[in-house]
Amino acid sequence: MCAQCGRLVGVAEEKCPFCGAWRPGLFGWATSLRRLFGGRLDPFTLIAVACGALYVLALLLQPEAIFRPAGILSMLSPGSRALLQLGMTGGFAMERGWWWTLLTAMYLHGGLLHIIFNVMWIRNLGPAVAEVYGSARAFLLFNLAGAGGFLVSNFMTGVPTIGASGSIFGLLAALIVYGRRRGSSVVTQQLWQWAIILGAFGFVMPGINNWAHGGGFAVGWLAANVMNLDDDRQDSSWVLLASLVLIGLTVLGVGLSFVGVTGELLG
């Protein structure tokens, strides 16, 4: 079935004869990919689980950091070495050519309250974005916004940074774009209020990366405007494939960070 027009096509068709979509069957893999994202794979559950698993792993990699004196905002904070090993980004990463940290850093968090707050927003906003854009496109929006926010931050400040906040601002932007395109002013106003409140927190709370927030919002806005809106929220085969590639690159990136940082420490 062509992901763009929904009509039956051959798996080896180079172009859909009805709508012109290129490689609509994705060499026979399109049906399996749609079944994976449409049924077995909930991307935002996957994101929340990945955040939790990497948070626990960071604590285990540097357990002495758990017991250092700290305030309530940094309670159960992973150590800097562990976060570097798992893919924290910043100017140092860009200087070394560690581009993959733009993907890995959004799954890392600096404390118990940090991860609880971010996962709460992911679980609230993520399913709503998936409902209106499709699961795979929502996953792409999350990752593109996070990576774009980190890229802006690394260029403007270069400070070491982690967290899913830039991605969350990207999800907010995507929902605002949807509300504007559908003419829902009430929903759009509510989302703008949330974005303004979250943005204001960045100027009163310590250690908040406002560049990553702003960059994530801008990238989420641009990406959502590029994406087509259709009533059946059918993700194209290439969007599904891109989502799987992103998952693979993120897992690979964690491994590359661990090997790279550990090698530097031992060297």
Protein backbone atom coordinates (compact mmCIF):
# COMPACT_ATOMS: atom_id res chain seq x y z
CA MET A 1 0.00 0.00 0.00
CA CYS A 2 1.40 3.40 -0.98
CA ALA A 3 2.00 5.44 2.17
CA GLN A 4 1.16 8.67 0.37
CA CYS A 5 -2.13 7.86 -1.37
CA GLY A 6 -3.12 4.57 0.31
CA ARG A 7 -3.60 2.58 -2.92
CA LEU A 8 -2.23 -0.88 -3.58
CA VAL A 9 1.06 -0.95 -5.47
CA GLY A 10 3.73 -3.55 -6.22
CA VAL A 11 6.57 -3.85 -3.69
CA ALA A 12 9.13 -3.29 -6.45
CA GLU A 13 7.41 -0.25 -8.02
CA GLU A 14 9.90 2.54 -8.61
CA LYS A 15 7.14 5.14 -8.56
CA CYS A 16 3.50 4.99 -7.44
CA PRO A 17 1.39 5.04 -10.63
CA PHE A 18 -1.38 6.93 -8.82
CA CYS A 19 0.39 9.75 -6.94
CA GLY A 20 4.01 9.58 -8.11
CA ALA A 21 5.57 8.79 -4.71
CA TRP A 22 9.08 7.37 -5.14
CA ARG A 23 9.67 3.76 -4.02
CA PRO A 24 6.27 3.47 -2.26
CA GLY A 25 6.88 -0.17 -1.28
CA LEU A 26 10.45 0.43 -0.04
CA PHE A 27 11.61 -2.80 -1.63
CA GLY A 28 9.03 -4.84 0.27
CA TRP A 29 9.86 -3.44 3.73
CA ALA A 30 7.20 -0.73 3.88
CA THR A 31 4.45 -2.94 5.32
CA SER A 32 6.72 -4.31 8.06
CA LEU A 33 7.93 -0.84 9.00
CA ARG A 34 4.39 0.53 9.22
CA ARG A 35 3.33 -2.45 11.32
CA LEU A 36 6.31 -1.88 13.64
CA PHE A 37 5.60 1.81 14.26
CA GLY A 38 1.85 1.49 14.11
CA GLY A 39 1.57 -1.36 16.59
CA ARG A 40 4.54 -2.82 18.43
CA LEU A 41 6.72 0.29 18.74
CA ASP A 42 5.43 3.29 20.70
CA PRO A 43 8.20 5.86 20.10
CA PHE A 44 7.55 7.94 23.19
CA THR A 45 7.46 4.95 25.48
CA LEU A 46 10.78 3.99 23.89
CA ILE A 47 12.14 7.49 24.53
CA ALA A 48 11.03 7.47 28.18
CA VAL A 49 12.53 4.01 28.75
CA ALA A 50 15.80 5.06 27.08
CA CYS A 51 16.01 8.17 29.27
CA GLY A 52 15.41 6.11 32.41
CA ALA A 53 17.87 3.37 31.46
CA LEU A 54 20.66 5.82 30.62
CA TYR A 55 20.01 7.77 33.83
CA VAL A 56 20.41 4.61 35.94
CA LEU A 57 23.47 3.58 33.92
CA ALA A 58 25.06 7.00 34.50
CA LEU A 59 24.58 6.60 38.26
CA LEU A 60 26.12 3.12 38.16
CA LEU A 61 29.12 4.26 36.08
CA GLN A 62 30.10 6.86 38.68
CA PRO A 63 28.42 5.88 41.97
CA GLU A 64 30.60 8.18 44.08
CA ALA A 65 28.82 11.16 42.52
CA ILE A 66 25.54 10.08 44.14
CA PHE A 67 26.82 10.78 47.65
CA ARG A 68 28.43 14.18 47.16
CA PRO A 69 26.73 17.06 49.00
CA ALA A 70 24.14 18.76 46.80
CA GLY A 71 20.89 20.68 46.95
CA ILE A 72 17.45 19.34 46.13
CA LEU A 73 17.71 20.45 42.48
CA SER A 74 20.78 18.26 41.95
CA MET A 75 19.59 15.29 44.00
CA LEU A 76 20.86 11.96 42.62
CA SER A 77 22.91 13.70 39.94
CA PRO A 78 25.16 11.58 37.71
CA GLY A 79 28.82 12.56 37.59
CA SER A 80 30.34 14.48 34.69
CA ARG A 81 32.58 11.58 33.70
CA ALA A 82 29.64 9.21 33.39
CA LEU A 83 27.66 11.73 31.34
CA LEU A 84 30.64 12.23 29.04
CA GLN A 85 30.94 8.47 28.60
CA LEU A 86 27.28 8.21 27.59
CA GLY A 87 27.22 11.10 25.12
CA MET A 88 26.98 14.55 26.69
CA THR A 89 27.41 17.26 24.06
CA GLY A 90 29.08 20.66 24.05
CA GLY A 91 31.86 22.61 22.36
CA PHE A 92 34.39 19.95 23.36
CA ALA A 93 32.41 17.29 21.47
CA MET A 94 32.23 19.38 18.32
CA GLU A 95 35.99 20.04 18.46
CA ARG A 96 36.59 16.28 18.55
CA GLY A 97 34.12 15.65 15.73
CA TRP A 98 31.69 13.76 17.98
CA TRP A 99 28.60 14.71 15.96
CA TRP A 100 26.59 11.84 17.43
CA THR A 101 26.39 13.62 20.80
CA LEU A 102 23.73 15.86 19.23
CA LEU A 103 21.52 12.74 19.32
CA THR A 104 22.69 11.03 22.50
CA ALA A 105 22.66 14.06 24.82
CA MET A 106 18.87 14.48 24.66
CA TYR A 107 18.45 11.11 26.39
CA LEU A 108 20.73 12.06 29.33
CA HIS A 109 19.64 13.91 32.46
CA GLY A 110 21.43 15.63 35.29
CA GLY A 111 19.31 14.68 38.29
CA LEU A 112 16.16 13.01 39.59
CA LEU A 113 13.96 16.11 39.27
CA HIS A 114 15.40 16.82 35.82
CA ILE A 115 14.41 13.44 34.41
CA ILE A 116 11.02 13.35 36.16
CA PHE A 117 10.11 16.79 34.81
CA ASN A 118 11.24 16.02 31.25
CA VAL A 119 9.70 12.54 31.04
CA MET A 120 6.42 13.97 32.35
CA TRP A 121 6.34 16.48 29.47
CA ILE A 122 7.41 13.84 26.95
CA ARG A 123 4.58 11.55 28.03
CA ASN A 124 2.07 14.45 27.88
CA LEU A 125 3.11 16.03 24.58
CA GLY A 126 4.53 13.09 22.64
CA PRO A 127 1.30 11.09 22.16
CA ALA A 128 -0.53 14.28 21.14
CA VAL A 129 2.08 15.00 18.44
CA ALA A 130 1.94 11.36 17.29
CA GLU A 131 -1.84 11.59 17.11
CA VAL A 132 -1.82 14.51 14.67
CA TYR A 133 1.40 13.89 12.70
CA GLY A 134 1.91 10.11 12.93
CA SER A 135 4.24 8.15 15.20
CA ALA A 136 7.33 8.17 12.98
CA ARG A 137 7.06 11.86 12.10
CA ALA A 138 6.58 12.69 15.78
CA PHE A 139 9.74 10.72 16.59
CA LEU A 140 11.62 12.60 13.87
CA LEU A 141 10.35 15.92 15.25
CA PHE A 142 11.57 15.02 18.72
CA ASN A 143 15.06 14.11 17.53
CA LEU A 144 15.44 16.92 15.01
CA ALA A 145 14.39 19.53 17.57
CA GLY A 146 16.75 18.13 20.21
CA ALA A 147 19.70 17.91 17.85
CA GLY A 148 18.98 21.37 16.41
CA GLY A 149 18.77 22.88 19.87
CA PHE A 150 22.11 21.37 20.87
CA LEU A 151 23.70 22.56 17.65
CA VAL A 152 22.60 26.13 18.37
CA SER A 153 23.82 25.84 21.98
CA ASN A 154 27.19 24.40 20.96
CA PHE A 155 27.68 27.17 18.42
CA MET A 156 26.58 30.02 20.71
CA THR A 157 28.07 28.95 24.06
CA GLY A 158 29.86 25.62 23.78
CA VAL A 159 28.93 24.70 27.35
CA PRO A 160 28.47 20.98 28.15
CA THR A 161 24.76 20.20 28.01
CA ILE A 162 22.24 17.35 28.25
CA GLY A 163 18.49 16.81 28.50
CA ALA A 164 15.34 16.52 26.42
CA SER A 165 14.13 20.09 27.00
CA GLY A 166 15.00 21.25 23.48
CA SER A 167 13.05 18.31 22.08
CA ILE A 168 10.10 19.15 24.33
CA PHE A 169 10.06 22.72 23.03
CA GLY A 170 10.13 21.25 19.52
CA LEU A 171 7.05 19.15 20.30
CA LEU A 172 5.28 22.24 21.64
CA ALA A 173 6.16 24.13 18.46
CA ALA A 174 4.83 21.27 16.31
CA LEU A 175 1.49 21.32 18.13
CA ILE A 176 1.26 25.10 17.78
CA VAL A 177 1.90 24.78 14.04
CA TYR A 178 -0.82 22.12 13.82
CA GLY A 179 -3.28 24.33 15.70
CA ARG A 180 -2.56 27.29 13.42
CA ARG A 181 -2.92 25.19 10.25
CA ARG A 182 -6.21 23.73 11.46
CA GLY A 183 -7.52 27.09 12.67
CA SER A 184 -7.82 26.07 16.35
CA SER A 185 -7.08 29.35 18.12
CA VAL A 186 -8.04 28.11 21.61
CA VAL A 187 -5.60 25.20 21.50
CA THR A 188 -2.90 27.39 19.98
CA GLN A 189 -3.25 30.00 22.72
CA GLN A 190 -3.00 27.34 25.44
CA LEU A 191 0.14 25.89 23.88
CA TRP A 192 1.71 29.35 23.56
CA GLN A 193 1.04 29.87 27.28
CA TRP A 194 2.83 26.62 28.11
CA ALA A 195 5.77 27.56 25.89
CA ILE A 196 6.06 31.00 27.51
CA ILE A 197 5.85 29.57 31.05
CA LEU A 198 8.48 26.91 30.30
CA GLY A 199 10.67 29.51 28.64
CA ALA A 200 10.37 31.82 31.65
CA PHE A 201 11.61 29.03 33.92
CA GLY A 202 14.83 29.08 31.94
CA PHE A 203 15.58 32.60 33.11
CA VAL A 204 14.89 32.04 36.80
CA MET A 205 16.21 28.50 37.36
CA PRO A 206 19.97 27.88 37.50
CA GLY A 207 21.73 25.75 34.91
CA ILE A 208 19.05 26.02 32.20
CA ASN A 209 20.24 26.10 28.58
CA ASN A 210 18.00 28.68 26.95
CA TRP A 211 19.86 28.45 23.64
CA ALA A 212 18.96 24.76 23.37
CA HIS A 213 15.33 25.57 24.25
CA GLY A 214 15.07 28.31 21.64
CA GLY A 215 16.88 26.26 19.01
CA GLY A 216 14.66 23.24 19.67
CA PHE A 217 11.52 25.36 19.35
CA ALA A 218 12.72 26.92 16.08
CA VAL A 219 13.68 23.58 14.53
CA GLY A 220 10.42 21.97 15.67
CA TRP A 221 8.49 24.87 14.12
CA LEU A 222 10.32 24.63 10.80
CA ALA A 223 10.12 20.83 10.62
CA ALA A 224 6.39 20.82 11.41
CA ASN A 225 5.72 23.37 8.67
CA VAL A 226 7.54 21.18 6.15
CA MET A 227 5.60 18.04 7.08
CA ASN A 228 2.34 17.28 5.31
CA LEU A 229 -0.83 16.93 7.34
CA ASP A 230 -3.21 14.15 6.34
CA ASP A 231 -6.29 12.92 8.10
CA ASP A 232 -5.11 9.31 8.40
CA ARG A 233 -1.65 10.35 9.72
CA GLN A 234 0.03 7.84 7.41
CA ASP A 235 3.83 7.98 7.75
CA SER A 236 5.70 7.45 4.50
CA SER A 237 8.02 4.49 4.17
CA TRP A 238 11.04 6.77 4.06
CA VAL A 239 10.02 8.55 7.27
CA LEU A 240 9.70 5.17 8.97
CA LEU A 241 13.11 4.12 7.69
CA ALA A 242 14.66 7.43 8.81
CA SER A 243 13.25 6.86 12.30
CA LEU A 244 14.84 3.43 12.51
CA VAL A 245 18.15 4.85 11.28
CA LEU A 246 18.00 7.51 14.01
CA ILE A 247 17.45 4.84 16.66
CA GLY A 248 20.45 2.93 15.34
CA LEU A 249 22.65 6.05 15.22
CA THR A 250 21.72 6.97 18.79
CA VAL A 251 22.59 3.51 20.11
CA LEU A 252 25.82 3.58 18.11
CA GLY A 253 26.56 7.07 19.43
CA VAL A 254 26.35 5.95 23.05
CA GLY A 255 28.86 3.21 22.25
CA LEU A 256 31.19 5.61 20.42
CA SER A 257 31.08 8.08 23.31
CA PHE A 258 31.85 5.38 25.84
CA VAL A 259 34.80 4.08 23.83
CA GLY A 260 36.11 7.56 23.04
CA VAL A 261 35.92 9.01 26.55
CA THR A 262 37.14 5.83 28.24
CA GLY A 263 40.05 5.69 25.82
CA GLU A 264 41.00 9.30 26.65
CA LEU A 265 40.81 8.60 30.37
CA LEU A 266 42.99 5.51 30.09
CA GLY A 267 45.39 7.23 27.72
